[in-house]
Protein backbone atom coordinates (compact mmCIF):
# COMPACT_ATOMS: atom_id res chain seq x y z
CA GLN A 1 22.65 -37.24 -0.16
CA VAL A 2 24.82 -34.35 -1.40
CA PRO A 3 23.29 -32.48 -4.63
CA LEU A 4 26.09 -30.67 -6.41
CA VAL A 5 25.26 -28.11 -9.27
CA GLU A 6 28.32 -26.95 -11.18
CA SER A 7 28.58 -23.90 -13.41
CA GLY A 8 31.20 -22.02 -15.46
CA GLY A 9 32.04 -24.26 -18.38
CA GLY A 10 32.13 -22.95 -21.86
CA LEU A 11 34.38 -22.42 -25.06
CA VAL A 12 37.82 -20.35 -24.62
CA GLN A 13 40.64 -19.77 -26.78
CA HIS A 14 44.25 -21.61 -26.32
CA GLY A 15 45.50 -19.58 -23.18
CA GLY A 16 42.57 -18.20 -21.74
CA SER A 17 41.00 -18.72 -18.36
CA LEU A 18 37.47 -20.22 -16.99
CA ARG A 19 36.37 -20.73 -13.37
CA LEU A 20 34.31 -23.06 -12.67
CA SER A 21 31.92 -23.25 -9.46
CA CYS A 22 30.18 -26.16 -7.59
CA VAL A 23 27.63 -25.46 -4.99
CA ALA A 24 26.91 -28.48 -2.55
CA SER A 25 23.74 -28.79 -0.62
CA GLY A 26 22.25 -31.53 1.74
CA SER A 27 24.47 -33.02 4.33
CA ILE A 28 27.21 -30.85 3.99
CA SER A 29 28.82 -31.88 7.49
CA SER A 30 29.62 -35.52 5.99
CA ILE A 31 31.56 -33.92 3.41
CA ASN A 32 35.48 -34.85 3.82
CA SER A 33 36.95 -33.34 0.39
CA MET A 34 35.59 -31.60 -2.75
CA GLY A 35 37.16 -31.80 -5.88
CA TRP A 36 37.42 -31.78 -9.69
CA TYR A 37 37.50 -34.83 -12.39
CA ARG A 38 37.52 -34.61 -16.02
CA GLN A 39 36.91 -37.09 -18.82
CA ALA A 40 38.02 -36.37 -22.32
CA PRO A 41 36.28 -38.51 -25.20
CA GLY A 42 37.46 -41.90 -25.05
CA LYS A 43 39.61 -41.40 -22.20
CA GLN A 44 39.08 -42.56 -18.38
CA ARG A 45 37.71 -39.86 -15.80
CA GLU A 46 40.90 -38.47 -14.11
CA LEU A 47 41.22 -36.45 -11.06
CA VAL A 48 42.35 -32.91 -11.63
CA ALA A 49 42.26 -31.28 -8.27
CA SER A 50 41.05 -31.77 -4.76
CA MET A 51 40.94 -30.34 -1.29
CA THR A 52 40.21 -31.72 2.04
CA ASN A 53 38.73 -29.97 4.62
CA GLY A 54 42.08 -29.35 6.35
CA GLY A 55 43.28 -27.59 3.26
CA ARG A 56 45.45 -30.43 1.73
CA ILE A 57 45.47 -29.79 -1.84
CA ASN A 58 46.16 -32.59 -4.61
CA TYR A 59 46.91 -31.60 -8.17
CA VAL A 60 47.53 -33.68 -11.55
CA ASP A 61 50.92 -33.29 -12.94
CA SER A 62 49.49 -31.90 -16.11
CA VAL A 63 47.53 -28.73 -14.57
CA LYS A 64 50.35 -27.84 -11.77
CA GLY A 65 50.84 -24.27 -12.13
CA ARG A 66 48.04 -23.61 -14.52
CA PHE A 67 44.86 -24.24 -12.00
CA THR A 68 43.97 -23.34 -8.57
CA ILE A 69 41.54 -25.07 -6.28
CA SER A 70 39.68 -22.96 -3.47
CA ARG A 71 36.85 -23.48 -1.43
CA ASP A 72 34.31 -21.02 0.34
CA ASN A 73 32.65 -23.10 3.30
CA ALA A 74 30.43 -20.47 4.24
CA LYS A 75 29.07 -20.82 0.51
CA ASN A 76 29.50 -24.55 0.55
CA THR A 77 31.31 -24.13 -2.70
CA VAL A 78 34.28 -25.34 -4.52
CA TYR A 79 35.89 -23.47 -7.32
CA LEU A 80 38.71 -24.33 -10.11
CA GLN A 81 40.33 -21.54 -11.70
CA MET A 82 42.13 -22.49 -15.04
CA ASN A 83 44.53 -20.67 -16.75
CA SER A 84 46.62 -20.98 -19.65
CA LEU A 85 44.44 -23.17 -21.19
CA LYS A 86 45.34 -25.55 -23.68
CA PRO A 87 43.22 -27.89 -26.16
CA ASP A 88 44.34 -30.89 -24.08
CA ASP A 89 42.44 -29.59 -21.42
CA THR A 90 39.22 -29.86 -23.43
CA ALA A 91 36.78 -32.36 -21.37
CA VAL A 92 33.41 -32.62 -19.59
CA TYR A 93 34.58 -31.33 -15.86
CA TYR A 94 32.66 -32.96 -13.21
CA CYS A 95 32.50 -31.93 -9.40
CA ASN A 96 32.91 -34.67 -6.92
CA THR A 97 32.83 -34.51 -3.15
CA GLU A 98 34.03 -37.39 -0.66
CA ALA A 99 31.82 -37.89 2.34
CA ASN A 100 31.68 -40.05 5.43
CA TRP A 101 31.26 -43.55 5.29
CA GLY A 102 32.65 -43.99 1.52
CA TYR A 103 30.15 -42.41 -0.21
CA SER A 104 31.12 -40.10 -3.18
CA TYR A 105 28.87 -37.70 -4.93
CA TRP A 106 28.96 -36.29 -8.50
CA GLY A 107 27.69 -33.15 -10.36
CA GLN A 108 26.33 -33.50 -13.61
CA GLY A 109 29.39 -32.15 -15.47
CA THR A 110 30.01 -29.23 -17.26
CA GLN A 111 31.76 -29.15 -20.94
CA VAL A 112 35.08 -27.00 -21.20
CA THR A 113 36.22 -26.64 -24.68
CA VAL A 114 39.71 -24.83 -25.72
CA SER A 115 39.96 -24.00 -29.09
CA SER A 116 43.18 -24.29 -30.78
């Protein structure tokens, strides 16, 4: 098991910034990648950004140049720095880890609301 605890969501104006954090615990050594997904009302959950243990990073096209994912392995934490936020970024953001044997773990979600 890899429990995940997220923080950092909130309400921000169009063009503002937020930083999300996600701390992992438990079977840390089984983690292969960490990332962030989001789900807006009436839409499917989508990958926002992910980062493997080897440092390979993937972003959804809509956030490239605005969002930055990073990891602090000493703190078992993954961050998502979100700049130039838009109303379309409004969603519940979920931390995710992909671990050995195909296991996937999810945080409880944190709401991000961008006002126009």
